[in-house]
Amino acid sequence: MITLNFSLWELAILLVGIAFIIGTIYLVKLFKSIAMTFDITTKLMEDNRLVLQRIMENTDDITKSSAHVVETASDMVDEVGDALNTIKQDIIDPVVKAASVLKKGLGIFQTKSKKEKI
């Protein structure tokens, strides 16, 4: 039969050694987990950087397109204003003048016919 003969300080050193080995194993697992987290974070940051670059490029294109739409709409509004002015000058003003002359002419006939009836 084997007998073990050791003192209390030897048992303490043995327990400290076992605790050191167990602690080292957990620290290795912790460091591997931290390294994996850093890798995932780095990959996400890289992906987000690319996405943000694309968003900024699209925003620039959208801004240019919006400016073009506003410019085109402004030109159309100017053309509508010019068309309305032309219609007013070429059609409405002559019709109003003709109606005014016609009204005056009818007014003269009405006053003559009223005078003849009296």
PDB file of N, CA and C in Angstrom:
ATOM      1  N   MET A   1       0.814  -1.160   0.000  1.00  0.00           N
ATOM      2  CA  MET A   1       0.000   0.000   0.000  1.00  0.00           C
ATOM      3  C   MET A   1       0.876   1.248   0.000  1.00  0.00           C
ATOM      4  N   ILE A   2       0.386   2.254  -0.688  1.00  0.00           N
ATOM      5  CA  ILE A   2       1.159   3.486  -0.819  1.00  0.00           C
ATOM      6  C   ILE A   2       0.660   4.472   0.226  1.00  0.00           C
ATOM      7  N   THR A   3       1.575   5.006   0.893  1.00  0.00           N
ATOM      8  CA  THR A   3       1.201   6.033   1.867  1.00  0.00           C
ATOM      9  C   THR A   3       1.738   7.362   1.385  1.00  0.00           C
ATOM     10  N   LEU A   4       0.897   8.333   1.519  1.00  0.00           N
ATOM     11  CA  LEU A   4       1.296   9.689   1.135  1.00  0.00           C
ATOM     12  C   LEU A   4       1.593  10.453   2.399  1.00  0.00           C
ATOM     13  N   ASN A   5       2.714  11.007   2.388  1.00  0.00           N
ATOM     14  CA  ASN A   5       3.121  11.765   3.546  1.00  0.00           C
ATOM     15  C   ASN A   5       3.517  13.165   3.071  1.00  0.00           C
ATOM     16  N   PHE A   6       2.693  14.135   3.394  1.00  0.00           N
ATOM     17  CA  PHE A   6       3.029  15.516   3.013  1.00  0.00           C
ATOM     18  C   PHE A   6       2.508  16.460   4.069  1.00  0.00           C
ATOM     19  N   SER A   7       3.071  17.633   4.050  1.00  0.00           N
ATOM     20  CA  SER A   7       2.681  18.609   5.064  1.00  0.00           C
ATOM     21  C   SER A   7       1.644  19.572   4.493  1.00  0.00           C
ATOM     22  N   LEU A   8       1.151  20.432   5.350  1.00  0.00           N
ATOM     23  CA  LEU A   8       0.078  21.365   4.989  1.00  0.00           C
ATOM     24  C   LEU A   8       0.545  22.380   3.952  1.00  0.00           C
ATOM     25  N   TRP A   9       1.754  22.859   4.029  1.00  0.00           N
ATOM     26  CA  TRP A   9       2.215  23.850   3.058  1.00  0.00           C
ATOM     27  C   TRP A   9       2.363  23.226   1.679  1.00  0.00           C
ATOM     28  N   GLU A  10       2.697  21.943   1.596  1.00  0.00           N
ATOM     29  CA  GLU A  10       2.779  21.255   0.314  1.00  0.00           C
ATOM     30  C   GLU A  10       1.381  21.097  -0.302  1.00  0.00           C
ATOM     31  N   LEU A  11       0.402  20.816   0.540  1.00  0.00           N
ATOM     32  CA  LEU A  11      -0.987  20.737   0.071  1.00  0.00           C
ATOM     33  C   LEU A  11      -1.454  22.101  -0.442  1.00  0.00           C
ATOM     34  N   ALA A  12      -1.079  23.150   0.244  1.00  0.00           N
ATOM     35  CA  ALA A  12      -1.447  24.506  -0.177  1.00  0.00           C
ATOM     36  C   ALA A  12      -0.819  24.836  -1.532  1.00  0.00           C
ATOM     37  N   ILE A  13       0.437  24.492  -1.723  1.00  0.00           N
ATOM     38  CA  ILE A  13       1.107  24.753  -2.998  1.00  0.00           C
ATOM     39  C   ILE A  13       0.448  23.935  -4.104  1.00  0.00           C
ATOM     40  N   LEU A  14       0.068  22.686  -3.799  1.00  0.00           N
ATOM     41  CA  LEU A  14      -0.620  21.858  -4.789  1.00  0.00           C
ATOM     42  C   LEU A  14      -1.954  22.491  -5.189  1.00  0.00           C
ATOM     43  N   LEU A  15      -2.723  22.971  -4.221  1.00  0.00           N
ATOM     44  CA  LEU A  15      -4.020  23.618  -4.509  1.00  0.00           C
ATOM     45  C   LEU A  15      -3.822  24.916  -5.293  1.00  0.00           C
ATOM     46  N   VAL A  16      -2.795  25.675  -4.940  1.00  0.00           N
ATOM     47  CA  VAL A  16      -2.510  26.912  -5.690  1.00  0.00           C
ATOM     48  C   VAL A  16      -2.126  26.566  -7.122  1.00  0.00           C
ATOM     49  N   GLY A  17      -1.370  25.546  -7.338  1.00  0.00           N
ATOM     50  CA  GLY A  17      -0.982  25.116  -8.681  1.00  0.00           C
ATOM     51  C   GLY A  17      -2.183  24.690  -9.498  1.00  0.00           C
ATOM     52  N   ILE A  18      -3.060  23.902  -8.876  1.00  0.00           N
ATOM     53  CA  ILE A  18      -4.287  23.474  -9.575  1.00  0.00           C
ATOM     54  C   ILE A  18      -5.152  24.688  -9.912  1.00  0.00           C
ATOM     55  N   ALA A  19      -5.293  25.612  -8.964  1.00  0.00           N
ATOM     56  CA  ALA A  19      -6.079  26.827  -9.211  1.00  0.00           C
ATOM     57  C   ALA A  19      -5.449  27.657 -10.319  1.00  0.00           C
ATOM     58  N   PHE A  20      -4.123  27.710 -10.366  1.00  0.00           N
ATOM     59  CA  PHE A  20      -3.425  28.456 -11.409  1.00  0.00           C
ATOM     60  C   PHE A  20      -3.707  27.838 -12.778  1.00  0.00           C
ATOM     61  N   ILE A  21      -3.678  26.507 -12.865  1.00  0.00           N
ATOM     62  CA  ILE A  21      -3.958  25.826 -14.138  1.00  0.00           C
ATOM     63  C   ILE A  21      -5.397  26.086 -14.576  1.00  0.00           C
ATOM     64  N   ILE A  22      -6.338  25.949 -13.645  1.00  0.00           N
ATOM     65  CA  ILE A  22      -7.754  26.195 -13.973  1.00  0.00           C
ATOM     66  C   ILE A  22      -7.959  27.654 -14.377  1.00  0.00           C
ATOM     67  N   GLY A  23      -7.354  28.574 -13.626  1.00  0.00           N
ATOM     68  CA  GLY A  23      -7.465  30.000 -13.964  1.00  0.00           C
ATOM     69  C   GLY A  23      -6.876  30.305 -15.328  1.00  0.00           C
ATOM     70  N   THR A  24      -5.760  29.665 -15.659  1.00  0.00           N
ATOM     71  CA  THR A  24      -5.134  29.862 -16.972  1.00  0.00           C
ATOM     72  C   THR A  24      -6.047  29.366 -18.086  1.00  0.00           C
ATOM     73  N   ILE A  25      -6.691  28.238 -17.867  1.00  0.00           N
ATOM     74  CA  ILE A  25      -7.622  27.714 -18.878  1.00  0.00           C
ATOM     75  C   ILE A  25      -8.761  28.704 -19.107  1.00  0.00           C
ATOM     76  N   TYR A  26      -9.337  29.231 -18.027  1.00  0.00           N
ATOM     77  CA  TYR A  26     -10.425  30.195 -18.176  1.00  0.00           C
ATOM     78  C   TYR A  26      -9.942  31.494 -18.820  1.00  0.00           C
ATOM     79  N   LEU A  27      -8.724  31.930 -18.496  1.00  0.00           N
ATOM     80  CA  LEU A  27      -8.180  33.137 -19.121  1.00  0.00           C
ATOM     81  C   LEU A  27      -7.960  32.932 -20.615  1.00  0.00           C
ATOM     82  N   VAL A  28      -7.492  31.755 -21.008  1.00  0.00           N
ATOM     83  CA  VAL A  28      -7.304  31.460 -22.433  1.00  0.00           C
ATOM     84  C   VAL A  28      -8.648  31.518 -23.156  1.00  0.00           C
ATOM     85  N   LYS A  29      -9.677  30.909 -22.552  1.00  0.00           N
ATOM     86  CA  LYS A  29     -11.023  30.969 -23.138  1.00  0.00           C
ATOM     87  C   LYS A  29     -11.503  32.406 -23.239  1.00  0.00           C
ATOM     88  N   LEU A  30     -11.256  33.196 -22.179  1.00  0.00           N
ATOM     89  CA  LEU A  30     -11.668  34.604 -22.176  1.00  0.00           C
ATOM     90  C   LEU A  30     -10.957  35.374 -23.279  1.00  0.00           C
ATOM     91  N   PHE A  31      -9.652  35.189 -23.423  1.00  0.00           N
ATOM     92  CA  PHE A  31      -8.904  35.907 -24.450  1.00  0.00           C
ATOM     93  C   PHE A  31      -9.325  35.489 -25.862  1.00  0.00           C
ATOM     94  N   LYS A  32      -9.632  34.199 -26.043  1.00  0.00           N
ATOM     95  CA  LYS A  32     -10.132  33.752 -27.348  1.00  0.00           C
ATOM     96  C   LYS A  32     -11.475  34.409 -27.656  1.00  0.00           C
ATOM     97  N   SER A  33     -12.328  34.494 -26.654  1.00  0.00           N
ATOM     98  CA  SER A  33     -13.634  35.136 -26.830  1.00  0.00           C
ATOM     99  C   SER A  33     -13.469  36.620 -27.152  1.00  0.00           C
ATOM    100  N   ILE A  34     -12.560  37.282 -26.457  1.00  0.00           N
ATOM    101  CA  ILE A  34     -12.314  38.709 -26.717  1.00  0.00           C
ATOM    102  C   ILE A  34     -11.758  38.902 -28.129  1.00  0.00           C
ATOM    103  N   ALA A  35     -10.849  38.037 -28.544  1.00  0.00           N
ATOM    104  CA  ALA A  35     -10.276  38.134 -29.895  1.00  0.00           C
ATOM    105  C   ALA A  35     -11.360  37.936 -30.948  1.00  0.00           C
ATOM    106  N   MET A  36     -12.269  36.973 -30.720  1.00  0.00           N
ATOM    107  CA  MET A  36     -13.351  36.744 -31.660  1.00  0.00           C
ATOM    108  C   MET A  36     -14.296  37.954 -31.702  1.00  0.00           C
ATOM    109  N   THR A  37     -14.559  38.529 -30.542  1.00  0.00           N
ATOM    110  CA  THR A  37     -15.415  39.724 -30.482  1.00  0.00           C
ATOM    111  C   THR A  37     -14.774  40.873 -31.247  1.00  0.00           C
ATOM    112  N   PHE A  38     -13.457  41.065 -31.090  1.00  0.00           N
ATOM    113  CA  PHE A  38     -12.757  42.116 -31.830  1.00  0.00           C
ATOM    114  C   PHE A  38     -12.808  41.858 -33.338  1.00  0.00           C
ATOM    115  N   ASP A  39     -12.656  40.586 -33.733  1.00  0.00           N
ATOM    116  CA  ASP A  39     -12.738  40.257 -35.156  1.00  0.00           C
ATOM    117  C   ASP A  39     -14.120  40.578 -35.717  1.00  0.00           C
ATOM    118  N   ILE A  40     -15.154  40.198 -34.990  1.00  0.00           N
ATOM    119  CA  ILE A  40     -16.529  40.472 -35.437  1.00  0.00           C
ATOM    120  C   ILE A  40     -16.771  41.979 -35.489  1.00  0.00           C
ATOM    121  N   THR A  41     -16.321  42.691 -34.475  1.00  0.00           N
ATOM    122  CA  THR A  41     -16.491  44.146 -34.439  1.00  0.00           C
ATOM    123  C   THR A  41     -15.760  44.814 -35.596  1.00  0.00           C
ATOM    124  N   THR A  42     -14.561  44.355 -35.875  1.00  0.00           N
ATOM    125  CA  THR A  42     -13.790  44.910 -36.994  1.00  0.00           C
ATOM    126  C   THR A  42     -14.500  44.661 -38.315  1.00  0.00           C
ATOM    127  N   LYS A  43     -15.033  43.452 -38.494  1.00  0.00           N
ATOM    128  CA  LYS A  43     -15.751  43.134 -39.730  1.00  0.00           C
ATOM    129  C   LYS A  43     -17.008  43.990 -39.851  1.00  0.00           C
ATOM    130  N   LEU A  44     -17.743  44.157 -38.767  1.00  0.00           N
ATOM    131  CA  LEU A  44     -18.944  44.997 -38.801  1.00  0.00           C
ATOM    132  C   LEU A  44     -18.598  46.453 -39.123  1.00  0.00           C
ATOM    133  N   MET A  45     -17.522  46.933 -38.534  1.00  0.00           N
ATOM    134  CA  MET A  45     -17.113  48.311 -38.813  1.00  0.00           C
ATOM    135  C   MET A  45     -16.721  48.474 -40.282  1.00  0.00           C
ATOM    136  N   GLU A  46     -16.052  47.488 -40.830  1.00  0.00           N
ATOM    137  CA  GLU A  46     -15.666  47.525 -42.244  1.00  0.00           C
ATOM    138  C   GLU A  46     -16.903  47.517 -43.140  1.00  0.00           C
ATOM    139  N   ASP A  47     -17.855  46.626 -42.834  1.00  0.00           N
ATOM    140  CA  ASP A  47     -19.097  46.570 -43.607  1.00  0.00           C
ATOM    141  C   ASP A  47     -19.860  47.883 -43.502  1.00  0.00           C
ATOM    142  N   ASN A  48     -19.950  48.418 -42.302  1.00  0.00           N
ATOM    143  CA  ASN A  48     -20.666  49.684 -42.106  1.00  0.00           C
ATOM    144  C   ASN A  48     -19.978  50.831 -42.828  1.00  0.00           C
ATOM    145  N   ARG A  49     -18.653  50.806 -42.868  1.00  0.00           N
ATOM    146  CA  ARG A  49     -17.934  51.860 -43.576  1.00  0.00           C
ATOM    147  C   ARG A  49     -18.281  51.825 -45.060  1.00  0.00           C
ATOM    148  N   LEU A  50     -18.331  50.619 -45.638  1.00  0.00           N
ATOM    149  CA  LEU A  50     -18.682  50.488 -47.047  1.00  0.00           C
ATOM    150  C   LEU A  50     -20.121  50.932 -47.300  1.00  0.00           C
ATOM    151  N   VAL A  51     -21.024  50.538 -46.402  1.00  0.00           N
ATOM    152  CA  VAL A  51     -22.427  50.935 -46.549  1.00  0.00           C
ATOM    153  C   VAL A  51     -22.565  52.451 -46.435  1.00  0.00           C
ATOM    154  N   LEU A  52     -21.863  53.048 -45.491  1.00  0.00           N
ATOM    155  CA  LEU A  52     -21.922  54.505 -45.341  1.00  0.00           C
ATOM    156  C   LEU A  52     -21.359  55.212 -46.567  1.00  0.00           C
ATOM    157  N   GLN A  53     -20.320  54.662 -47.165  1.00  0.00           N
ATOM    158  CA  GLN A  53     -19.781  55.243 -48.391  1.00  0.00           C
ATOM    159  C   GLN A  53     -20.820  55.204 -49.501  1.00  0.00           C
ATOM    160  N   ARG A  54     -21.499  54.066 -49.642  1.00  0.00           N
ATOM    161  CA  ARG A  54     -22.541  53.961 -50.673  1.00  0.00           C
ATOM    162  C   ARG A  54     -23.687  54.918 -50.395  1.00  0.00           C
ATOM    163  N   ILE A  55     -24.067  55.066 -49.140  1.00  0.00           N
ATOM    164  CA  ILE A  55     -25.145  55.996 -48.778  1.00  0.00           C
ATOM    165  C   ILE A  55     -24.746  57.420 -49.142  1.00  0.00           C
ATOM    166  N   MET A  56     -23.507  57.779 -48.845  1.00  0.00           N
ATOM    167  CA  MET A  56     -23.058  59.138 -49.166  1.00  0.00           C
ATOM    168  C   MET A  56     -23.035  59.365 -50.672  1.00  0.00           C
ATOM    169  N   GLU A  57     -22.606  58.366 -51.444  1.00  0.00           N
ATOM    170  CA  GLU A  57     -22.620  58.499 -52.906  1.00  0.00           C
ATOM    171  C   GLU A  57     -24.054  58.629 -53.413  1.00  0.00           C
ATOM    172  N   ASN A  58     -24.966  57.810 -52.888  1.00  0.00           N
ATOM    173  CA  ASN A  58     -26.368  57.895 -53.304  1.00  0.00           C
ATOM    174  C   ASN A  58     -26.984  59.226 -52.904  1.00  0.00           C
ATOM    175  N   THR A  59     -26.608  59.729 -51.735  1.00  0.00           N
ATOM    176  CA  THR A  59     -27.128  61.024 -51.296  1.00  0.00           C
ATOM    177  C   THR A  59     -26.673  62.121 -52.247  1.00  0.00           C
ATOM    178  N   ASP A  60     -25.441  62.048 -52.703  1.00  0.00           N
ATOM    179  CA  ASP A  60     -24.927  63.029 -53.653  1.00  0.00           C
ATOM    180  C   ASP A  60     -25.720  62.957 -54.959  1.00  0.00           C
ATOM    181  N   ASP A  61     -25.978  61.732 -55.453  1.00  0.00           N
ATOM    182  CA  ASP A  61     -26.770  61.575 -56.678  1.00  0.00           C
ATOM    183  C   ASP A  61     -28.195  62.088 -56.490  1.00  0.00           C
ATOM    184  N   ILE A  62     -28.779  61.795 -55.336  1.00  0.00           N
ATOM    185  CA  ILE A  62     -30.146  62.262 -55.060  1.00  0.00           C
ATOM    186  C   ILE A  62     -30.185  63.783 -55.009  1.00  0.00           C
ATOM    187  N   THR A  63     -29.182  64.387 -54.409  1.00  0.00           N
ATOM    188  CA  THR A  63     -29.135  65.847 -54.329  1.00  0.00           C
ATOM    189  C   THR A  63     -29.035  66.450 -55.725  1.00  0.00           C
ATOM    190  N   LYS A  64     -28.178  65.869 -56.571  1.00  0.00           N
ATOM    191  CA  LYS A  64     -28.050  66.370 -57.943  1.00  0.00           C
ATOM    192  C   LYS A  64     -29.362  66.206 -58.705  1.00  0.00           C
ATOM    193  N   SER A  65     -30.017  65.049 -58.542  1.00  0.00           N
ATOM    194  CA  SER A  65     -31.293  64.808 -59.224  1.00  0.00           C
ATOM    195  C   SER A  65     -32.358  65.785 -58.735  1.00  0.00           C
ATOM    196  N   SER A  66     -32.389  66.026 -57.434  1.00  0.00           N
ATOM    197  CA  SER A  66     -33.366  66.970 -56.878  1.00  0.00           C
ATOM    198  C   SER A  66     -33.125  68.370 -57.412  1.00  0.00           C
ATOM    199  N   ALA A  67     -31.859  68.763 -57.508  1.00  0.00           N
ATOM    200  CA  ALA A  67     -31.545  70.089 -58.041  1.00  0.00           C
ATOM    201  C   ALA A  67     -31.991  70.188 -59.495  1.00  0.00           C
ATOM    202  N   HIS A  68     -31.804  69.110 -60.265  1.00  0.00           N
ATOM    203  CA  HIS A  68     -32.237  69.098 -61.664  1.00  0.00           C
ATOM    204  C   HIS A  68     -33.762  69.203 -61.756  1.00  0.00           C
ATOM    205  N   VAL A  69     -34.467  68.468 -60.895  1.00  0.00           N
ATOM    206  CA  VAL A  69     -35.937  68.513 -60.895  1.00  0.00           C
ATOM    207  C   VAL A  69     -36.418  69.930 -60.544  1.00  0.00           C
ATOM    208  N   VAL A  70     -35.797  70.544 -59.550  1.00  0.00           N
ATOM    209  CA  VAL A  70     -36.201  71.898 -59.153  1.00  0.00           C
ATOM    210  C   VAL A  70     -35.928  72.880 -60.287  1.00  0.00           C
ATOM    211  N   GLU A  71     -34.784  72.735 -60.946  1.00  0.00           N
ATOM    212  CA  GLU A  71     -34.449  73.622 -62.054  1.00  0.00           C
ATOM    213  C   GLU A  71     -35.447  73.458 -63.202  1.00  0.00           C
ATOM    214  N   THR A  72     -35.774  72.198 -63.514  1.00  0.00           N
ATOM    215  CA  THR A  72     -36.742  71.929 -64.585  1.00  0.00           C
ATOM    216  C   THR A  72     -38.117  72.481 -64.224  1.00  0.00           C
ATOM    217  N   ALA A  73     -38.535  72.291 -62.980  1.00  0.00           N
ATOM    218  CA  ALA A  73     -39.837  72.819 -62.543  1.00  0.00           C
ATOM    219  C   ALA A  73     -39.841  74.334 -62.610  1.00  0.00           C
ATOM    220  N   SER A  74     -38.745  74.964 -62.237  1.00  0.00           N
ATOM    221  CA  SER A  74     -38.654  76.427 -62.306  1.00  0.00           C
ATOM    222  C   SER A  74     -38.763  76.903 -63.746  1.00  0.00           C
ATOM    223  N   ASP A  75     -38.086  76.200 -64.662  1.00  0.00           N
ATOM    224  CA  ASP A  75     -38.182  76.557 -66.083  1.00  0.00           C
ATOM    225  C   ASP A  75     -39.610  76.395 -66.585  1.00  0.00           C
ATOM    226  N   MET A  76     -40.284  75.319 -66.157  1.00  0.00           N
ATOM    227  CA  MET A  76     -41.670  75.092 -66.586  1.00  0.00           C
ATOM    228  C   MET A  76     -42.599  76.190 -66.062  1.00  0.00           C
ATOM    229  N   VAL A  77     -42.388  76.588 -64.809  1.00  0.00           N
ATOM    230  CA  VAL A  77     -43.212  77.658 -64.241  1.00  0.00           C
ATOM    231  C   VAL A  77     -42.987  78.951 -65.006  1.00  0.00           C
ATOM    232  N   ASP A  78     -41.734  79.227 -65.360  1.00  0.00           N
ATOM    233  CA  ASP A  78     -41.444  80.423 -66.155  1.00  0.00           C
ATOM    234  C   ASP A  78     -42.128  80.358 -67.508  1.00  0.00           C
ATOM    235  N   GLU A  79     -42.105  79.180 -68.138  1.00  0.00           N
ATOM    236  CA  GLU A  79     -42.766  79.016 -69.438  1.00  0.00           C
ATOM    237  C   GLU A  79     -44.279  79.190 -69.320  1.00  0.00           C
ATOM    238  N   VAL A  80     -44.861  78.666 -68.255  1.00  0.00           N
ATOM    239  CA  VAL A  80     -46.306  78.844 -68.039  1.00  0.00           C
ATOM    240  C   VAL A  80     -46.625  80.324 -67.851  1.00  0.00           C
ATOM    241  N   GLY A  81     -45.792  81.020 -67.086  1.00  0.00           N
ATOM    242  CA  GLY A  81     -45.996  82.461 -66.894  1.00  0.00           C
ATOM    243  C   GLY A  81     -45.901  83.211 -68.213  1.00  0.00           C
ATOM    244  N   ASP A  82     -44.913  82.856 -69.034  1.00  0.00           N
ATOM    245  CA  ASP A  82     -44.786  83.494 -70.350  1.00  0.00           C
ATOM    246  C   ASP A  82     -46.004  83.190 -71.215  1.00  0.00           C
ATOM    247  N   ALA A  83     -46.479  81.941 -71.182  1.00  0.00           N
ATOM    248  CA  ALA A  83     -47.653  81.559 -71.976  1.00  0.00           C
ATOM    249  C   ALA A  83     -48.883  82.334 -71.522  1.00  0.00           C
ATOM    250  N   LEU A  84     -49.052  82.486 -70.218  1.00  0.00           N
ATOM    251  CA  LEU A  84     -50.208  83.246 -69.710  1.00  0.00           C
ATOM    252  C   LEU A  84     -50.126  84.714 -70.125  1.00  0.00           C
ATOM    253  N   ASN A  85     -48.921  85.284 -70.059  1.00  0.00           N
ATOM    254  CA  ASN A  85     -48.761  86.677 -70.502  1.00  0.00           C
ATOM    255  C   ASN A  85     -49.072  86.818 -71.988  1.00  0.00           C
ATOM    256  N   THR A  86     -48.619  85.852 -72.792  1.00  0.00           N
ATOM    257  CA  THR A  86     -48.896  85.886 -74.228  1.00  0.00           C
ATOM    258  C   THR A  86     -50.393  85.758 -74.487  1.00  0.00           C
ATOM    259  N   ILE A  87     -51.051  84.840 -73.784  1.00  0.00           N
ATOM    260  CA  ILE A  87     -52.505  84.671 -73.941  1.00  0.00           C
ATOM    261  C   ILE A  87     -53.218  85.955 -73.548  1.00  0.00           C
ATOM    262  N   LYS A  88     -52.775  86.570 -72.471  1.00  0.00           N
ATOM    263  CA  LYS A  88     -53.406  87.818 -72.022  1.00  0.00           C
ATOM    264  C   LYS A  88     -53.241  88.907 -73.073  1.00  0.00           C
ATOM    265  N   GLN A  89     -52.020  89.039 -73.607  1.00  0.00           N
ATOM    266  CA  GLN A  89     -51.759  90.108 -74.570  1.00  0.00           C
ATOM    267  C   GLN A  89     -52.417  89.829 -75.920  1.00  0.00           C
ATOM    268  N   ASP A  90     -52.363  88.583 -76.381  1.00  0.00           N
ATOM    269  CA  ASP A  90     -52.843  88.269 -77.727  1.00  0.00           C
ATOM    270  C   ASP A  90     -54.336  87.968 -77.797  1.00  0.00           C
ATOM    271  N   ILE A  91     -54.933  87.492 -76.714  1.00  0.00           N
ATOM    272  CA  ILE A  91     -56.336  87.069 -76.786  1.00  0.00           C
ATOM    273  C   ILE A  91     -57.218  87.889 -75.850  1.00  0.00           C
ATOM    274  N   ILE A  92     -56.898  87.888 -74.579  1.00  0.00           N
ATOM    275  CA  ILE A  92     -57.798  88.486 -73.589  1.00  0.00           C
ATOM    276  C   ILE A  92     -57.908  89.994 -73.770  1.00  0.00           C
ATOM    277  N   ASP A  93     -56.764  90.690 -73.898  1.00  0.00           N
ATOM    278  CA  ASP A  93     -56.813  92.156 -74.050  1.00  0.00           C
ATOM    279  C   ASP A  93     -57.586  92.574 -75.304  1.00  0.00           C
ATOM    280  N   PRO A  94     -57.343  91.954 -76.482  1.00  0.00           N
ATOM    281  CA  PRO A  94     -58.152  92.337 -77.650  1.00  0.00           C
ATOM    282  C   PRO A  94     -59.639  92.029 -77.476  1.00  0.00           C
ATOM    283  N   VAL A  95     -59.976  90.908 -76.844  1.00  0.00           N
ATOM    284  CA  VAL A  95     -61.392  90.576 -76.624  1.00  0.00           C
ATOM    285  C   VAL A  95     -62.023  91.599 -75.684  1.00  0.00           C
ATOM    286  N   VAL A  96     -61.314  91.992 -74.633  1.00  0.00           N
ATOM    287  CA  VAL A  96     -61.845  92.987 -73.702  1.00  0.00           C
ATOM    288  C   VAL A  96     -62.026  94.323 -74.411  1.00  0.00           C
ATOM    289  N   LYS A  97     -61.063  94.708 -75.242  1.00  0.00           N
ATOM    290  CA  LYS A  97     -61.196  95.967 -75.988  1.00  0.00           C
ATOM    291  C   LYS A  97     -62.375  95.909 -76.944  1.00  0.00           C
ATOM    292  N   ALA A  98     -62.512  94.758 -77.630  1.00  0.00           N
ATOM    293  CA  ALA A  98     -63.637  94.611 -78.562  1.00  0.00           C
ATOM    294  C   ALA A  98     -64.955  94.639 -77.807  1.00  0.00           C
ATOM    295  N   ALA A  99     -65.021  93.992 -76.662  1.00  0.00           N
ATOM    296  CA  ALA A  99     -66.253  94.009 -75.875  1.00  0.00           C
ATOM    297  C   ALA A  99     -66.546  95.414 -75.379  1.00  0.00           C
ATOM    298  N   SER A 100     -65.509  96.148 -75.012  1.00  0.00           N
ATOM    299  CA  SER A 100     -65.705  97.528 -74.562  1.00  0.00           C
ATOM    300  C   SER A 100     -66.238  98.391 -75.695  1.00  0.00           C
ATOM    301  N   VAL A 101     -65.668  98.242 -76.886  1.00  0.00           N
ATOM    302  CA  VAL A 101     -66.148  99.001 -78.051  1.00  0.00           C
ATOM    303  C   VAL A 101     -67.574  98.594 -78.371  1.00  0.00           C
ATOM    304  N   LEU A 102     -67.869  97.313 -78.332  1.00  0.00           N
ATOM    305  CA  LEU A 102     -69.217  96.818 -78.601  1.00  0.00           C
ATOM    306  C   LEU A 102     -70.211  97.364 -77.584  1.00  0.00           C
ATOM    307  N   LYS A 103     -69.786  97.408 -76.315  1.00  0.00           N
ATOM    308  CA  LYS A 103     -70.653  97.941 -75.261  1.00  0.00           C
ATOM    309  C   LYS A 103     -70.933  99.412 -75.510  1.00  0.00           C
ATOM    310  N   LYS A 104     -69.895 100.133 -75.868  1.00  0.00           N
ATOM    311  CA  LYS A 104     -70.097 101.565 -76.161  1.00  0.00           C
ATOM    312  C   LYS A 104     -71.014 101.739 -77.352  1.00  0.00           C
ATOM    313  N   GLY A 105     -70.803 100.894 -78.393  1.00  0.00           N
ATOM    314  CA  GLY A 105     -71.650 100.987 -79.591  1.00  0.00           C
ATOM    315  C   GLY A 105     -73.097 100.658 -79.269  1.00  0.00           C
ATOM    316  N   LEU A 106     -73.304  99.629 -78.485  1.00  0.00           N
ATOM    317  CA  LEU A 106     -74.668  99.278 -78.095  1.00  0.00           C
ATOM    318  C   LEU A 106     -75.267 100.358 -77.205  1.00  0.00           C
ATOM    319  N   GLY A 107     -74.397 100.955 -76.391  1.00  0.00           N
ATOM    320  CA  GLY A 107     -74.877 102.029 -75.523  1.00  0.00           C
ATOM    321  C   GLY A 107     -75.357 103.213 -76.343  1.00  0.00           C
ATOM    322  N   ILE A 108     -74.672 103.491 -77.422  1.00  0.00           N
ATOM    323  CA  ILE A 108     -75.090 104.610 -78.294  1.00  0.00           C
ATOM    324  C   ILE A 108     -76.418 104.286 -78.935  1.00  0.00           C
ATOM    325  N   PHE A 109     -76.585 103.050 -79.420  1.00  0.00           N
ATOM    326  CA  PHE A 109     -77.850 102.654 -80.032  1.00  0.00           C
ATOM    327  C   PHE A 109     -78.983 102.682 -79.026  1.00  0.00           C
ATOM    328  N   GLN A 110     -78.705 102.304 -77.789  1.00  0.00           N
ATOM    329  CA  GLN A 110     -79.749 102.304 -76.780  1.00  0.00           C
ATOM    330  C   GLN A 110     -80.176 103.733 -76.454  1.00  0.00           C
ATOM    331  N   THR A 111     -79.229 104.636 -76.351  1.00  0.00           N
ATOM    332  CA  THR A 111     -79.599 106.025 -76.042  1.00  0.00           C
ATOM    333  C   THR A 111     -80.355 106.637 -77.205  1.00  0.00           C
ATOM    334  N   LYS A 112     -80.033 106.284 -78.462  1.00  0.00           N
ATOM    335  CA  LYS A 112     -80.760 106.808 -79.628  1.00  0.00           C
ATOM    336  C   LYS A 112     -82.173 106.238 -79.650  1.00  0.00           C
ATOM    337  N   SER A 113     -82.287 104.945 -79.328  1.00  0.00           N
ATOM    338  CA  SER A 113     -83.629 104.367 -79.372  1.00  0.00           C
ATOM    339  C   SER A 113     -84.469 104.899 -78.226  1.00  0.00           C
ATOM    340  N   LYS A 114     -83.878 105.224 -77.101  1.00  0.00           N
ATOM    341  CA  LYS A 114     -84.637 105.813 -75.988  1.00  0.00           C
ATOM    342  C   LYS A 114     -85.063 107.222 -76.345  1.00  0.00           C
ATOM    343  N   LYS A 115     -84.198 107.952 -77.035  1.00  0.00           N
ATOM    344  CA  LYS A 115     -84.533 109.321 -77.433  1.00  0.00           C
ATOM    345  C   LYS A 115     -85.651 109.314 -78.468  1.00  0.00           C
ATOM    346  N   GLU A 116     -85.642 108.340 -79.346  1.00  0.00           N
ATOM    347  CA  GLU A 116     -86.669 108.256 -80.393  1.00  0.00           C
ATOM    348  C   GLU A 116     -88.018 107.874 -79.773  1.00  0.00           C
ATOM    349  N   LYS A 117     -88.029 107.108 -78.729  1.00  0.00           N
ATOM    350  CA  LYS A 117     -89.259 106.699 -78.096  1.00  0.00           C
ATOM    351  C   LYS A 117     -89.849 107.862 -77.295  1.00  0.00           C
ATOM    352  N   ILE A 118     -89.043 108.754 -76.878  1.00  0.00           N
ATOM    353  CA  ILE A 118     -89.529 109.856 -76.056  1.00  0.00           C
ATOM    354  C   ILE A 118     -90.151 110.881 -76.880  1.00  0.00           C
TER     355      ILE A 118
END
